[in-house]
N, C-alpha and C. Protein backbone atom coordinates (compact mmCIF):
# COMPACT_ATOMS: atom_id res chain seq x y z
N MET A 1 51.28 223.42 181.61
CA MET A 1 51.12 223.50 180.22
C MET A 1 52.88 222.60 179.82
N ALA A 2 52.65 222.47 178.27
CA ALA A 2 53.39 221.21 177.70
C ALA A 2 55.12 221.71 177.05
N ALA A 3 55.67 220.82 177.26
CA ALA A 3 57.12 221.60 177.42
C ALA A 3 56.72 221.56 175.56
N ASN A 4 57.62 222.90 175.01
CA ASN A 4 57.96 223.34 174.01
C ASN A 4 59.10 222.91 172.83
N ILE A 5 59.31 221.49 172.57
CA ILE A 5 60.41 220.73 171.94
C ILE A 5 61.06 221.18 170.46
N GLY A 6 62.09 221.45 170.99
CA GLY A 6 62.42 221.75 169.29
C GLY A 6 63.33 220.53 168.87
N ALA A 7 63.64 221.00 167.33
CA ALA A 7 63.36 219.46 166.52
C ALA A 7 64.45 218.61 166.97
N CYS A 8 65.63 219.67 167.36
CA CYS A 8 67.26 219.03 168.03
C CYS A 8 66.82 218.51 169.30
N GLY A 9 65.66 218.52 170.10
CA GLY A 9 65.64 218.30 171.07
C GLY A 9 65.55 219.26 172.52
N LEU A 10 66.46 220.08 171.99
CA LEU A 10 66.20 221.74 172.88
C LEU A 10 65.15 221.66 173.38
N VAL A 11 64.84 222.28 174.84
CA VAL A 11 63.51 222.74 175.46
C VAL A 11 63.62 224.37 175.23
N CYS A 12 62.70 224.33 174.00
CA CYS A 12 62.76 225.74 173.65
C CYS A 12 61.50 226.71 174.68
N SER A 13 60.96 225.70 175.31
CA SER A 13 59.91 226.45 176.70
C SER A 13 60.89 227.18 178.15
N GLY A 14 62.01 226.29 177.55
CA GLY A 14 62.81 226.73 178.51
C GLY A 14 64.05 227.69 178.19
N CYS A 15 64.26 228.24 176.56
CA CYS A 15 65.08 228.98 176.94
C CYS A 15 65.07 230.57 177.17
N GLN A 16 65.41 231.42 177.99
CA GLN A 16 65.40 232.45 177.80
C GLN A 16 64.84 233.15 176.95
N ALA A 17 65.15 233.14 175.69
CA ALA A 17 64.88 234.34 174.46
C ALA A 17 62.88 233.76 174.63
N TYR A 18 62.81 232.25 174.35
CA TYR A 18 61.43 232.26 174.20
C TYR A 18 60.93 232.82 175.59
N LEU A 19 60.97 232.67 176.75
CA LEU A 19 60.53 233.31 177.92
C LEU A 19 60.28 234.73 177.77
N ALA A 20 61.33 235.71 177.45
CA ALA A 20 60.65 236.61 177.23
C ALA A 20 60.30 237.31 176.41
N THR A 21 59.95 236.20 175.30
CA THR A 21 59.43 236.93 173.83
C THR A 21 57.87 236.08 174.26
N GLN A 22 57.68 235.27 174.79
CA GLN A 22 56.04 234.83 175.65
C GLN A 22 55.53 235.48 176.12
N ALA A 23 56.34 236.39 177.24
CA ALA A 23 55.96 237.59 178.26
C ALA A 23 55.71 238.72 177.38
N ASP A 24 56.59 239.04 176.39
CA ASP A 24 55.96 240.00 175.52
C ASP A 24 56.96 240.76 176.32
N ASP A 25 58.32 241.11 176.89
CA ASP A 25 58.86 241.60 178.23
C ASP A 25 60.50 242.16 177.31
N ARG A 26 59.54 243.36 176.29
CA ARG A 26 61.06 243.81 175.86
C ARG A 26 62.58 244.02 176.98
N VAL A 27 62.59 244.20 177.98
CA VAL A 27 63.48 244.37 178.27
C VAL A 27 64.67 242.95 179.24
N ALA A 28 63.82 242.32 179.39
CA ALA A 28 64.14 240.88 179.22
C ALA A 28 65.46 240.45 178.15
N MET A 29 64.26 240.91 177.06
CA MET A 29 64.95 240.21 176.09
C MET A 29 65.86 241.17 175.20
N GLU A 30 65.70 242.11 176.10
CA GLU A 30 67.36 243.33 175.69
C GLU A 30 68.13 242.65 176.42
N GLY A 31 68.09 242.11 177.54
CA GLY A 31 68.85 241.32 178.52
C GLY A 31 69.83 240.11 177.96
N VAL A 32 68.71 238.93 177.31
CA VAL A 32 68.97 237.76 176.87
C VAL A 32 70.15 238.50 175.30
N ALA A 33 69.41 239.26 174.29
CA ALA A 33 70.27 239.38 173.56
C ALA A 33 71.46 240.16 174.02
N ALA A 34 72.22 241.05 174.93
CA ALA A 34 73.11 241.60 175.20
C ALA A 34 74.22 240.68 176.06
N THR A 35 73.35 239.32 176.66
CA THR A 35 74.49 238.34 177.05
C THR A 35 75.06 237.52 176.00
N TRP A 36 73.87 237.46 174.70
CA TRP A 36 74.26 236.61 173.99
C TRP A 36 75.28 237.06 172.78
N ARG A 37 75.08 238.40 172.35
CA ARG A 37 76.24 239.13 172.20
C ARG A 37 77.09 238.90 172.53
N GLU A 38 77.25 238.74 174.23
CA GLU A 38 78.80 238.80 174.55
C GLU A 38 79.24 237.12 174.75
N GLN A 39 78.28 236.21 175.00
CA GLN A 39 78.57 235.13 175.06
C GLN A 39 78.77 234.66 173.51
N PHE A 40 78.36 234.71 173.01
CA PHE A 40 78.80 234.48 171.25
C PHE A 40 79.56 235.60 170.57
N ASN A 41 80.05 236.22 171.27
CA ASN A 41 80.92 237.41 170.49
C ASN A 41 79.83 237.62 169.36
N ALA A 42 79.43 237.81 168.80
CA ALA A 42 77.84 238.09 167.79
C ALA A 42 77.69 239.61 168.27
N PRO A 43 78.01 240.66 167.51
CA PRO A 43 77.71 241.76 168.07
C PRO A 43 76.21 242.38 166.91
N GLY A 44 75.91 241.68 166.70
CA GLY A 44 74.93 241.81 165.78
C GLY A 44 73.80 241.26 166.18
N ILE A 45 73.24 240.71 167.31
CA ILE A 45 72.44 240.52 168.24
C ILE A 45 71.32 240.88 168.87
N THR A 46 70.49 240.99 168.02
CA THR A 46 69.71 242.03 168.18
C THR A 46 67.92 241.33 169.32
N VAL A 47 67.51 242.34 169.94
CA VAL A 47 66.02 242.12 170.28
C VAL A 47 65.28 241.34 169.44
N GLU A 48 65.03 241.67 167.70
CA GLU A 48 64.20 241.06 166.89
C GLU A 48 64.66 239.99 166.68
N TRP A 49 66.31 240.10 166.66
CA TRP A 49 66.89 238.36 166.35
C TRP A 49 66.17 237.40 167.58
N ILE A 50 66.62 237.71 168.71
CA ILE A 50 66.46 236.43 169.94
C ILE A 50 64.53 236.23 169.86
N ALA A 51 63.90 236.90 169.02
CA ALA A 51 62.09 237.26 169.56
C ALA A 51 62.14 235.75 168.76
N CYS A 52 61.49 234.86 170.00
CA CYS A 52 60.95 233.35 169.25
C CYS A 52 59.66 232.68 170.20
N ASP A 53 59.09 232.05 169.30
CA ASP A 53 57.66 231.28 169.53
C ASP A 53 58.01 229.81 169.79
N GLY A 54 59.05 230.28 169.61
CA GLY A 54 59.38 227.88 169.51
C GLY A 54 59.72 227.60 167.72
N CYS A 55 61.27 227.25 168.15
CA CYS A 55 61.18 226.48 166.51
C CYS A 55 59.87 225.73 165.05
N MET A 56 59.35 224.79 166.38
CA MET A 56 58.61 224.14 165.18
C MET A 56 57.31 224.57 165.25
N THR A 57 57.01 225.36 165.92
CA THR A 57 55.84 226.02 165.65
C THR A 57 55.57 226.96 164.61
N SER A 58 54.80 226.44 163.89
CA SER A 58 53.95 226.96 162.81
C SER A 58 53.84 227.96 162.58
N GLY A 59 54.28 229.28 161.45
CA GLY A 59 54.11 230.30 161.10
C GLY A 59 54.63 231.42 162.41
N ALA A 60 55.37 231.15 163.44
CA ALA A 60 55.80 231.71 164.05
C ALA A 60 57.30 232.30 164.01
N ARG A 61 57.72 233.23 165.39
CA ARG A 61 58.69 233.87 165.27
C ARG A 61 59.77 233.01 165.50
N LYS A 62 60.75 233.05 164.79
CA LYS A 62 62.09 231.83 164.80
C LYS A 62 63.32 232.45 165.34
N CYS A 63 63.89 232.53 166.88
CA CYS A 63 65.06 233.12 166.91
C CYS A 63 65.99 232.88 166.00
N GLY A 64 67.08 233.73 165.36
CA GLY A 64 67.69 234.20 164.28
C GLY A 64 68.74 232.53 164.12
N HIS A 65 69.12 231.97 164.66
CA HIS A 65 69.63 230.64 164.63
C HIS A 65 68.49 229.53 164.20
N CYS A 66 67.36 229.63 164.66
CA CYS A 66 66.67 228.19 164.67
C CYS A 66 66.02 228.68 163.29
N ALA A 67 65.89 229.76 162.72
CA ALA A 67 65.29 230.04 161.13
C ALA A 67 65.87 229.74 160.34
N GLU A 68 67.35 229.39 160.75
CA GLU A 68 68.49 229.22 159.17
C GLU A 68 68.95 227.50 159.72
N CYS A 69 68.39 227.19 161.15
CA CYS A 69 69.42 225.63 161.34
C CYS A 69 68.75 224.27 160.51
N GLY A 70 69.92 223.56 160.08
CA GLY A 70 69.37 222.43 159.14
C GLY A 70 68.93 221.39 160.06
N ILE A 71 69.05 221.46 161.03
CA ILE A 71 68.44 220.31 161.51
C ILE A 71 66.80 220.83 161.73
N ARG A 72 66.53 221.95 161.89
CA ARG A 72 64.84 222.05 161.88
C ARG A 72 64.33 222.11 160.52
N GLY A 73 65.28 222.13 159.41
CA GLY A 73 64.81 222.74 157.81
C GLY A 73 64.12 220.99 157.51
N CYS A 74 65.21 219.76 157.83
CA CYS A 74 65.24 218.46 158.13
C CYS A 74 63.91 217.92 158.29
N ALA A 75 63.64 218.38 159.39
CA ALA A 75 62.48 217.83 160.24
C ALA A 75 61.22 218.90 160.08
N VAL A 76 61.26 219.59 159.60
CA VAL A 76 59.76 220.17 158.46
C VAL A 76 59.81 219.87 157.36
N GLY A 77 60.99 219.52 156.56
CA GLY A 77 60.72 218.93 155.60
C GLY A 77 59.99 217.49 155.65
N ARG A 78 60.99 216.65 156.85
CA ARG A 78 59.83 215.30 156.60
C ARG A 78 58.85 215.15 157.48
N GLY A 79 58.18 216.12 158.07
CA GLY A 79 57.12 216.26 158.44
C GLY A 79 56.79 215.49 160.24
N VAL A 80 58.25 215.84 160.93
CA VAL A 80 58.42 215.25 162.22
C VAL A 80 57.82 216.06 163.34
N ALA A 81 57.44 215.97 164.02
CA ALA A 81 57.41 217.54 165.29
C ALA A 81 58.73 217.74 165.84
N ASN A 82 59.75 216.72 165.93
CA ASN A 82 60.84 216.61 166.23
C ASN A 82 61.98 215.70 165.46
N CYS A 83 63.38 215.17 165.94
CA CYS A 83 64.18 213.86 165.47
C CYS A 83 63.47 212.90 165.62
N ALA A 84 63.03 213.00 167.67
CA ALA A 84 62.66 211.67 167.69
C ALA A 84 61.54 210.47 166.95
N GLY A 85 60.93 211.51 166.33
CA GLY A 85 59.92 210.90 165.53
C GLY A 85 60.35 210.70 164.02
N CYS A 86 61.59 210.84 163.57
CA CYS A 86 62.21 210.48 162.49
C CYS A 86 62.76 209.02 162.35
N VAL A 87 62.44 207.98 161.22
CA VAL A 87 63.10 207.21 160.92
C VAL A 87 64.60 206.67 160.83
N ASP A 88 65.23 207.80 160.61
CA ASP A 88 66.68 208.17 160.83
C ASP A 88 67.23 208.40 162.09
N TYR A 89 66.52 208.54 162.69
CA TYR A 89 67.34 208.89 164.47
C TYR A 89 67.70 207.87 165.24
N PRO A 90 69.18 208.17 165.21
CA PRO A 90 69.92 210.11 165.00
C PRO A 90 71.04 209.69 163.67
N CYS A 91 70.39 210.75 162.57
CA CYS A 91 71.05 211.13 161.73
C CYS A 91 72.48 211.57 162.04
N PRO A 92 73.57 211.16 160.74
CA PRO A 92 75.12 211.79 160.93
C PRO A 92 74.67 213.70 161.40
N GLN A 93 73.66 214.03 160.64
CA GLN A 93 73.52 215.59 160.77
C GLN A 93 73.13 215.88 162.19
N VAL A 94 72.35 215.67 163.02
CA VAL A 94 71.74 214.99 164.48
C VAL A 94 72.93 214.46 165.07
N ALA A 95 73.11 213.79 164.82
CA ALA A 95 74.75 213.18 165.75
C ALA A 95 75.43 213.76 166.47
N GLY A 96 75.98 215.32 165.20
CA GLY A 96 77.37 215.82 166.07
C GLY A 96 76.81 217.06 166.89
N PHE A 97 75.51 217.20 166.85
CA PHE A 97 75.23 218.38 167.61
C PHE A 97 74.98 217.52 168.77
N LEU A 98 74.14 216.41 169.50
CA LEU A 98 74.03 215.55 170.19
C LEU A 98 74.95 215.26 170.57
N ALA A 99 75.98 215.19 170.30
CA ALA A 99 77.03 214.66 170.93
C ALA A 99 77.73 216.22 171.67
N GLN A 100 77.38 217.30 171.39
CA GLN A 100 78.25 218.67 172.13
C GLN A 100 76.70 219.02 172.86
N VAL A 101 75.63 218.70 173.00
CA VAL A 101 74.62 218.70 173.70
C VAL A 101 73.79 217.48 174.54
N PRO A 102 74.14 216.98 175.44
CA PRO A 102 73.41 215.58 175.67
C PRO A 102 72.66 215.47 176.39
N GLU A 103 71.86 217.00 176.91
CA GLU A 103 70.50 216.97 177.60
C GLU A 103 69.65 216.96 176.25
N ALA A 104 69.97 217.19 175.38
CA ALA A 104 68.89 217.53 174.28
C ALA A 104 68.87 215.74 173.88
N ARG A 105 69.98 215.18 173.73
CA ARG A 105 70.02 214.08 173.26
C ARG A 105 68.89 212.75 174.42
N ARG A 106 69.03 212.96 175.55
CA ARG A 106 68.47 212.65 176.91
C ARG A 106 66.79 212.71 176.25
N THR A 107 66.90 214.16 176.18
CA THR A 107 65.01 214.59 175.56
C THR A 107 64.67 213.84 174.22
N LEU A 108 65.47 213.72 173.15
CA LEU A 108 65.05 213.44 172.43
C LEU A 108 64.88 211.42 172.67
N ASP A 109 66.03 210.94 173.24
CA ASP A 109 65.89 209.42 173.26
C ASP A 109 64.54 209.25 174.13
N GLU A 110 64.36 210.04 174.86
CA GLU A 110 63.01 209.72 175.76
C GLU A 110 61.74 210.03 174.77
N LEU A 111 61.55 210.77 174.43
CA LEU A 111 60.41 211.19 173.52
C LEU A 111 60.12 210.27 172.45
N ARG A 112 61.66 209.30 171.99
CA ARG A 112 61.81 208.16 170.89
C ARG A 112 61.16 206.70 171.68
N ALA A 113 61.59 206.47 173.19
CA ALA A 113 61.25 205.71 173.96
C ALA A 113 59.46 205.82 174.18
N ALA A 114 59.07 206.54 173.65
CA ALA A 114 57.43 206.99 174.45
C ALA A 114 56.53 206.87 172.97
N LEU A 115 57.27 205.98 171.76
CA LEU A 115 56.27 206.63 170.99
C LEU A 115 55.91 205.08 170.53
């Protein structure tokens, strides 16, 4: 199975929320929600908030943050599968994120090199 890559280069198919959602495992989803509530000091995170089918999957459920992500919105608006396919990569919007998440930069750089 091919990896499901988010607009920003995060590998959705490696995310615990994505994996629990795809397995339709409510117990695992509650575990992810509980972990994220603590990790991100966000008491409002629920099972419904973490349900995700991948940020770039058309018409699918999006994790709470992914649904409102500016990087994702830009990629959708430009009609690219992820930022690696954008003529402006790396733009200032994604560059700030990639500086904090080097594994996402590696993923996008590898995808861009393969184009």
